[in-house]
């Protein structure tokens, strides 16, 4: 932190340091947004609740038949 403050306020490279800081910050934000978008685009959608309920009912029927 001390080095960054010194580079920004007390050297002739302050403009370059600020430009690099802005570039890195924006690149990080865009990288995170891209990662979230990729994850949303490639994740499979969940099964509808009706299919899950039907499967559970079938399993329960099979278990009840086995017990009898």
PDB file of N, CA and C in Angstrom:
ATOM      1  N   UNK A   1       0.834  -1.187   0.000  1.00  0.00           N
ATOM      2  CA  UNK A   1       0.000   0.000   0.000  1.00  0.00           C
ATOM      3  C   UNK A   1       0.876   1.248   0.000  1.00  0.00           C
ATOM      4  N   UNK A   2       1.914   1.209   0.810  1.00  0.00           N
ATOM      5  CA  UNK A   2       2.822   2.348   0.882  1.00  0.00           C
ATOM      6  C   UNK A   2       3.506   2.578  -0.463  1.00  0.00           C
ATOM      7  N   UNK A   3       3.922   1.490  -1.086  1.00  0.00           N
ATOM      8  CA  UNK A   3       4.605   1.604  -2.382  1.00  0.00           C
ATOM      9  C   UNK A   3       3.648   2.157  -3.428  1.00  0.00           C
ATOM     10  N   UNK A   4       2.410   1.670  -3.426  1.00  0.00           N
ATOM     11  CA  UNK A   4       1.429   2.159  -4.395  1.00  0.00           C
ATOM     12  C   UNK A   4       1.157   3.649  -4.193  1.00  0.00           C
ATOM     13  N   UNK A   5       0.960   4.059  -2.955  1.00  0.00           N
ATOM     14  CA  UNK A   5       0.736   5.477  -2.669  1.00  0.00           C
ATOM     15  C   UNK A   5       1.916   6.331  -3.095  1.00  0.00           C
ATOM     16  N   UNK A   6       3.086   5.835  -2.855  1.00  0.00           N
ATOM     17  CA  UNK A   6       4.286   6.578  -3.253  1.00  0.00           C
ATOM     18  C   UNK A   6       4.378   6.692  -4.779  1.00  0.00           C
ATOM     19  N   UNK A   7       4.079   5.580  -5.476  1.00  0.00           N
ATOM     20  CA  UNK A   7       4.121   5.609  -6.939  1.00  0.00           C
ATOM     21  C   UNK A   7       3.080   6.565  -7.517  1.00  0.00           C
ATOM     22  N   UNK A   8       1.916   6.617  -6.908  1.00  0.00           N
ATOM     23  CA  UNK A   8       0.848   7.467  -7.437  1.00  0.00           C
ATOM     24  C   UNK A   8       1.117   8.944  -7.167  1.00  0.00           C
ATOM     25  N   UNK A   9       1.590   9.274  -5.975  1.00  0.00           N
ATOM     26  CA  UNK A   9       1.673  10.677  -5.587  1.00  0.00           C
ATOM     27  C   UNK A   9       3.065  11.286  -5.676  1.00  0.00           C
ATOM     28  N   UNK A  10       4.104  10.489  -5.632  1.00  0.00           N
ATOM     29  CA  UNK A  10       5.433  11.079  -5.497  1.00  0.00           C
ATOM     30  C   UNK A  10       6.407  10.743  -6.622  1.00  0.00           C
ATOM     31  N   UNK A  11       5.940  10.161  -7.698  1.00  0.00           N
ATOM     32  CA  UNK A  11       6.856   9.840  -8.797  1.00  0.00           C
ATOM     33  C   UNK A  11       6.323  10.388 -10.107  1.00  0.00           C
ATOM     34  N   UNK A  12       7.167  10.339 -11.090  1.00  0.00           N
ATOM     35  CA  UNK A  12       6.754  10.828 -12.411  1.00  0.00           C
ATOM     36  C   UNK A  12       5.927   9.786 -13.164  1.00  0.00           C
ATOM     37  N   UNK A  13       5.838   8.574 -12.640  1.00  0.00           N
ATOM     38  CA  UNK A  13       5.075   7.510 -13.283  1.00  0.00           C
ATOM     39  C   UNK A  13       3.638   7.432 -12.771  1.00  0.00           C
ATOM     40  N   UNK A  14       3.168   8.440 -12.117  1.00  0.00           N
ATOM     41  CA  UNK A  14       1.837   8.375 -11.500  1.00  0.00           C
ATOM     42  C   UNK A  14       0.731   8.124 -12.531  1.00  0.00           C
ATOM     43  N   UNK A  15       0.801   8.760 -13.684  1.00  0.00           N
ATOM     44  CA  UNK A  15      -0.230   8.561 -14.701  1.00  0.00           C
ATOM     45  C   UNK A  15      -0.209   7.120 -15.214  1.00  0.00           C
ATOM     46  N   UNK A  16       0.970   6.583 -15.431  1.00  0.00           N
ATOM     47  CA  UNK A  16       1.087   5.197 -15.879  1.00  0.00           C
ATOM     48  C   UNK A  16       0.544   4.232 -14.821  1.00  0.00           C
ATOM     49  N   UNK A  17       0.854   4.480 -13.568  1.00  0.00           N
ATOM     50  CA  UNK A  17       0.370   3.621 -12.481  1.00  0.00           C
ATOM     51  C   UNK A  17      -1.153   3.673 -12.412  1.00  0.00           C
ATOM     52  N   UNK A  18      -1.737   4.844 -12.549  1.00  0.00           N
ATOM     53  CA  UNK A  18      -3.198   4.963 -12.521  1.00  0.00           C
ATOM     54  C   UNK A  18      -3.839   4.262 -13.718  1.00  0.00           C
ATOM     55  N   UNK A  19      -3.232   4.388 -14.884  1.00  0.00           N
ATOM     56  CA  UNK A  19      -3.760   3.705 -16.069  1.00  0.00           C
ATOM     57  C   UNK A  19      -3.693   2.190 -15.899  1.00  0.00           C
ATOM     58  N   UNK A  20      -2.581   1.697 -15.388  1.00  0.00           N
ATOM     59  CA  UNK A  20      -2.451   0.255 -15.165  1.00  0.00           C
ATOM     60  C   UNK A  20      -3.447  -0.239 -14.119  1.00  0.00           C
ATOM     61  N   UNK A  21      -3.643   0.545 -13.078  1.00  0.00           N
ATOM     62  CA  UNK A  21      -4.604   0.172 -12.040  1.00  0.00           C
ATOM     63  C   UNK A  21      -6.017   0.091 -12.617  1.00  0.00           C
ATOM     64  N   UNK A  22      -6.393   1.083 -13.394  1.00  0.00           N
ATOM     65  CA  UNK A  22      -7.714   1.074 -14.023  1.00  0.00           C
ATOM     66  C   UNK A  22      -7.879  -0.092 -14.975  1.00  0.00           C
ATOM     67  N   UNK A  23      -6.847  -0.368 -15.761  1.00  0.00           N
ATOM     68  CA  UNK A  23      -6.907  -1.482 -16.706  1.00  0.00           C
ATOM     69  C   UNK A  23      -7.073  -2.807 -15.978  1.00  0.00           C
ATOM     70  N   UNK A  24      -6.291  -3.010 -14.937  1.00  0.00           N
ATOM     71  CA  UNK A  24      -6.366  -4.264 -14.180  1.00  0.00           C
ATOM     72  C   UNK A  24      -7.729  -4.408 -13.503  1.00  0.00           C
ATOM     73  N   UNK A  25      -8.256  -3.323 -12.955  1.00  0.00           N
ATOM     74  CA  UNK A  25      -9.559  -3.381 -12.288  1.00  0.00           C
ATOM     75  C   UNK A  25     -10.665  -3.730 -13.282  1.00  0.00           C
ATOM     76  N   UNK A  26     -10.671  -3.086 -14.434  1.00  0.00           N
ATOM     77  CA  UNK A  26     -11.703  -3.354 -15.438  1.00  0.00           C
ATOM     78  C   UNK A  26     -11.545  -4.758 -16.009  1.00  0.00           C
ATOM     79  N   UNK A  27     -10.311  -5.185 -16.240  1.00  0.00           N
ATOM     80  CA  UNK A  27     -10.082  -6.543 -16.744  1.00  0.00           C
ATOM     81  C   UNK A  27     -10.577  -7.584 -15.747  1.00  0.00           C
ATOM     82  N   UNK A  28     -10.372  -7.336 -14.465  1.00  0.00           N
ATOM     83  CA  UNK A  28     -10.843  -8.275 -13.439  1.00  0.00           C
ATOM     84  C   UNK A  28     -12.368  -8.343 -13.427  1.00  0.00           C
ATOM     85  N   UNK A  29     -13.032  -7.203 -13.495  1.00  0.00           N
ATOM     86  CA  UNK A  29     -14.501  -7.180 -13.503  1.00  0.00           C
ATOM     87  C   UNK A  29     -15.036  -7.890 -14.746  1.00  0.00           C
ATOM     88  N   UNK A  30     -14.463  -7.601 -15.907  1.00  0.00           N
ATOM     89  CA  UNK A  30     -14.916  -8.259 -17.132  1.00  0.00           C
ATOM     90  C   UNK A  30     -14.641  -9.760 -17.094  1.00  0.00           C
ATOM     91  N   UNK A  31     -13.537 -10.152 -16.503  1.00  0.00           N
ATOM     92  CA  UNK A  31     -13.238 -11.575 -16.366  1.00  0.00           C
ATOM     93  C   UNK A  31     -14.259 -12.288 -15.499  1.00  0.00           C
ATOM     94  N   UNK A  32     -14.640 -11.665 -14.398  1.00  0.00           N
ATOM     95  CA  UNK A  32     -15.639 -12.264 -13.504  1.00  0.00           C
ATOM     96  C   UNK A  32     -16.997 -12.344 -14.197  1.00  0.00           C
ATOM     97  N   UNK A  33     -17.385 -11.281 -14.889  1.00  0.00           N
ATOM     98  CA  UNK A  33     -18.663 -11.282 -15.608  1.00  0.00           C
ATOM     99  C   UNK A  33     -18.653 -12.344 -16.708  1.00  0.00           C
ATOM    100  N   UNK A  34     -17.539 -12.484 -17.407  1.00  0.00           N
ATOM    101  CA  UNK A  34     -17.432 -13.512 -18.446  1.00  0.00           C
ATOM    102  C   UNK A  34     -17.539 -14.908 -17.857  1.00  0.00           C
ATOM    103  N   UNK A  35     -16.895 -15.126 -16.726  1.00  0.00           N
ATOM    104  CA  UNK A  35     -16.944 -16.433 -16.070  1.00  0.00           C
ATOM    105  C   UNK A  35     -18.376 -16.764 -15.644  1.00  0.00           C
ATOM    106  N   UNK A  36     -19.081 -15.797 -15.088  1.00  0.00           N
ATOM    107  CA  UNK A  36     -20.474 -16.015 -14.684  1.00  0.00           C
ATOM    108  C   UNK A  36     -21.342 -16.306 -15.909  1.00  0.00           C
ATOM    109  N   UNK A  37     -21.150 -15.554 -16.978  1.00  0.00           N
ATOM    110  CA  UNK A  37     -21.915 -15.789 -18.201  1.00  0.00           C
ATOM    111  C   UNK A  37     -21.653 -17.159 -18.790  1.00  0.00           C
ATOM    112  N   UNK A  38     -20.397 -17.574 -18.820  1.00  0.00           N
ATOM    113  CA  UNK A  38     -20.049 -18.896 -19.334  1.00  0.00           C
ATOM    114  C   UNK A  38     -20.692 -19.985 -18.484  1.00  0.00           C
ATOM    115  N   UNK A  39     -20.645 -19.801 -17.175  1.00  0.00           N
ATOM    116  CA  UNK A  39     -21.238 -20.782 -16.268  1.00  0.00           C
ATOM    117  C   UNK A  39     -22.745 -20.879 -16.487  1.00  0.00           C
ATOM    118  N   UNK A  40     -23.406 -19.752 -16.637  1.00  0.00           N
ATOM    119  CA  UNK A  40     -24.852 -19.761 -16.886  1.00  0.00           C
ATOM    120  C   UNK A  40     -25.183 -20.407 -18.226  1.00  0.00           C
ATOM    121  N   UNK A  41     -24.353 -20.163 -19.233  1.00  0.00           N
ATOM    122  CA  UNK A  41     -24.632 -20.685 -20.566  1.00  0.00           C
ATOM    123  C   UNK A  41     -24.386 -22.186 -20.668  1.00  0.00           C
ATOM    124  N   UNK A  42     -23.466 -22.717 -19.899  1.00  0.00           N
ATOM    125  CA  UNK A  42     -23.106 -24.129 -20.041  1.00  0.00           C
ATOM    126  C   UNK A  42     -23.713 -25.037 -18.980  1.00  0.00           C
ATOM    127  N   UNK A  43     -24.395 -24.485 -17.995  1.00  0.00           N
ATOM    128  CA  UNK A  43     -25.006 -25.310 -16.954  1.00  0.00           C
ATOM    129  C   UNK A  43     -26.321 -25.881 -17.465  1.00  0.00           C
ATOM    130  N   UNK A  44     -26.509 -27.173 -17.248  1.00  0.00           N
ATOM    131  CA  UNK A  44     -27.747 -27.808 -17.677  1.00  0.00           C
ATOM    132  C   UNK A  44     -28.903 -27.335 -16.809  1.00  0.00           C
ATOM    133  N   UNK A  45     -30.059 -27.207 -17.443  1.00  0.00           N
ATOM    134  CA  UNK A  45     -31.231 -26.787 -16.674  1.00  0.00           C
ATOM    135  C   UNK A  45     -31.734 -27.966 -15.845  1.00  0.00           C
ATOM    136  N   UNK A  46     -32.297 -27.692 -14.683  1.00  0.00           N
ATOM    137  CA  UNK A  46     -32.781 -28.779 -13.833  1.00  0.00           C
ATOM    138  C   UNK A  46     -34.038 -29.417 -14.414  1.00  0.00           C
ATOM    139  N   UNK A  47     -34.292 -30.650 -13.992  1.00  0.00           N
ATOM    140  CA  UNK A  47     -35.497 -31.336 -14.442  1.00  0.00           C
ATOM    141  C   UNK A  47     -36.718 -30.651 -13.842  1.00  0.00           C
ATOM    142  N   UNK A  48     -37.831 -30.670 -14.570  1.00  0.00           N
ATOM    143  CA  UNK A  48     -39.061 -30.117 -14.002  1.00  0.00           C
ATOM    144  C   UNK A  48     -39.497 -30.920 -12.775  1.00  0.00           C
ATOM    145  N   UNK A  49     -40.179 -30.263 -11.878  1.00  0.00           N
ATOM    146  CA  UNK A  49     -40.621 -30.891 -10.634  1.00  0.00           C
ATOM    147  C   UNK A  49     -41.554 -32.061 -10.924  1.00  0.00           C
ATOM    148  N   UNK A  50     -42.366 -31.954 -11.967  1.00  0.00           N
ATOM    149  CA  UNK A  50     -43.313 -33.017 -12.288  1.00  0.00           C
ATOM    150  C   UNK A  50     -42.585 -34.326 -12.585  1.00  0.00           C
ATOM    151  N   UNK A  51     -41.470 -34.254 -13.313  1.00  0.00           N
ATOM    152  CA  UNK A  51     -40.715 -35.468 -13.632  1.00  0.00           C
ATOM    153  C   UNK A  51     -40.133 -36.094 -12.369  1.00  0.00           C
ATOM    154  N   UNK A  52     -39.643 -35.279 -11.481  1.00  0.00           N
ATOM    155  CA  UNK A  52     -39.065 -35.782 -10.236  1.00  0.00           C
ATOM    156  C   UNK A  52     -40.151 -36.437  -9.386  1.00  0.00           C
ATOM    157  N   UNK A  53     -41.322 -35.788  -9.295  1.00  0.00           N
ATOM    158  CA  UNK A  53     -42.427 -36.359  -8.521  1.00  0.00           C
ATOM    159  C   UNK A  53     -42.873 -37.696  -9.115  1.00  0.00           C
ATOM    160  N   UNK A  54     -42.946 -37.766 -10.440  1.00  0.00           N
ATOM    161  CA  UNK A  54     -43.350 -39.003 -11.103  1.00  0.00           C
ATOM    162  C   UNK A  54     -42.353 -40.120 -10.802  1.00  0.00           C
ATOM    163  N   UNK A  55     -41.077 -39.808 -10.847  1.00  0.00           N
ATOM    164  CA  UNK A  55     -40.047 -40.805 -10.567  1.00  0.00           C
ATOM    165  C   UNK A  55     -40.132 -41.288  -9.118  1.00  0.00           C
ATOM    166  N   UNK A  56     -40.356 -40.375  -8.196  1.00  0.00           N
ATOM    167  CA  UNK A  56     -40.486 -40.747  -6.778  1.00  0.00           C
ATOM    168  C   UNK A  56     -41.705 -41.638  -6.571  1.00  0.00           C
ATOM    169  N   UNK A  57     -42.822 -41.292  -7.214  1.00  0.00           N
ATOM    170  CA  UNK A  57     -44.029 -42.113  -7.090  1.00  0.00           C
ATOM    171  C   UNK A  57     -43.796 -43.521  -7.631  1.00  0.00           C
ATOM    172  N   UNK A  58     -43.094 -43.625  -8.760  1.00  0.00           N
ATOM    173  CA  UNK A  58     -42.798 -44.941  -9.325  1.00  0.00           C
ATOM    174  C   UNK A  58     -41.928 -45.757  -8.378  1.00  0.00           C
ATOM    175  N   UNK A  59     -40.940 -45.119  -7.769  1.00  0.00           N
ATOM    176  CA  UNK A  59     -40.073 -45.825  -6.825  1.00  0.00           C
ATOM    177  C   UNK A  59     -40.859 -46.280  -5.598  1.00  0.00           C
ATOM    178  N   UNK A  60     -41.762 -45.431  -5.126  1.00  0.00           N
ATOM    179  CA  UNK A  60     -42.586 -45.811  -3.976  1.00  0.00           C
ATOM    180  C   UNK A  60     -43.504 -46.984  -4.314  1.00  0.00           C
ATOM    181  N   UNK A  61     -44.059 -46.989  -5.525  1.00  0.00           N
ATOM    182  CA  UNK A  61     -44.911 -48.097  -5.953  1.00  0.00           C
ATOM    183  C   UNK A  61     -44.111 -49.395  -6.023  1.00  0.00           C
ATOM    184  N   UNK A  62     -42.892 -49.326  -6.546  1.00  0.00           N
ATOM    185  CA  UNK A  62     -42.041 -50.518  -6.631  1.00  0.00           C
ATOM    186  C   UNK A  62     -41.714 -51.046  -5.235  1.00  0.00           C
ATOM    187  N   UNK A  63     -41.436 -50.147  -4.306  1.00  0.00           N
ATOM    188  CA  UNK A  63     -41.130 -50.566  -2.937  1.00  0.00           C
ATOM    189  C   UNK A  63     -42.347 -51.208  -2.275  1.00  0.00           C
ATOM    190  N   UNK A  64     -43.521 -50.640  -2.517  1.00  0.00           N
ATOM    191  CA  UNK A  64     -44.727 -51.203  -1.900  1.00  0.00           C
ATOM    192  C   UNK A  64     -45.040 -52.577  -2.496  1.00  0.00           C
ATOM    193  N   UNK A  65     -44.764 -52.787  -3.784  1.00  0.00           N
ATOM    194  CA  UNK A  65     -44.976 -54.094  -4.410  1.00  0.00           C
ATOM    195  C   UNK A  65     -43.995 -55.119  -3.847  1.00  0.00           C
ATOM    196  N   UNK A  66     -42.766 -54.694  -3.582  1.00  0.00           N
ATOM    197  CA  UNK A  66     -41.757 -55.604  -3.045  1.00  0.00           C
ATOM    198  C   UNK A  66     -42.100 -56.017  -1.616  1.00  0.00           C
ATOM    199  N   UNK A  67     -42.711 -55.146  -0.865  1.00  0.00           N
ATOM    200  CA  UNK A  67     -43.037 -55.438   0.526  1.00  0.00           C
ATOM    201  C   UNK A  67     -44.221 -56.393   0.640  1.00  0.00           C
ATOM    202  N   UNK A  68     -45.072 -56.399  -0.366  1.00  0.00           N
ATOM    203  CA  UNK A  68     -46.274 -57.243  -0.326  1.00  0.00           C
ATOM    204  C   UNK A  68     -45.969 -58.630  -0.735  1.00  0.00           C
TER     205      UNK A  68
END
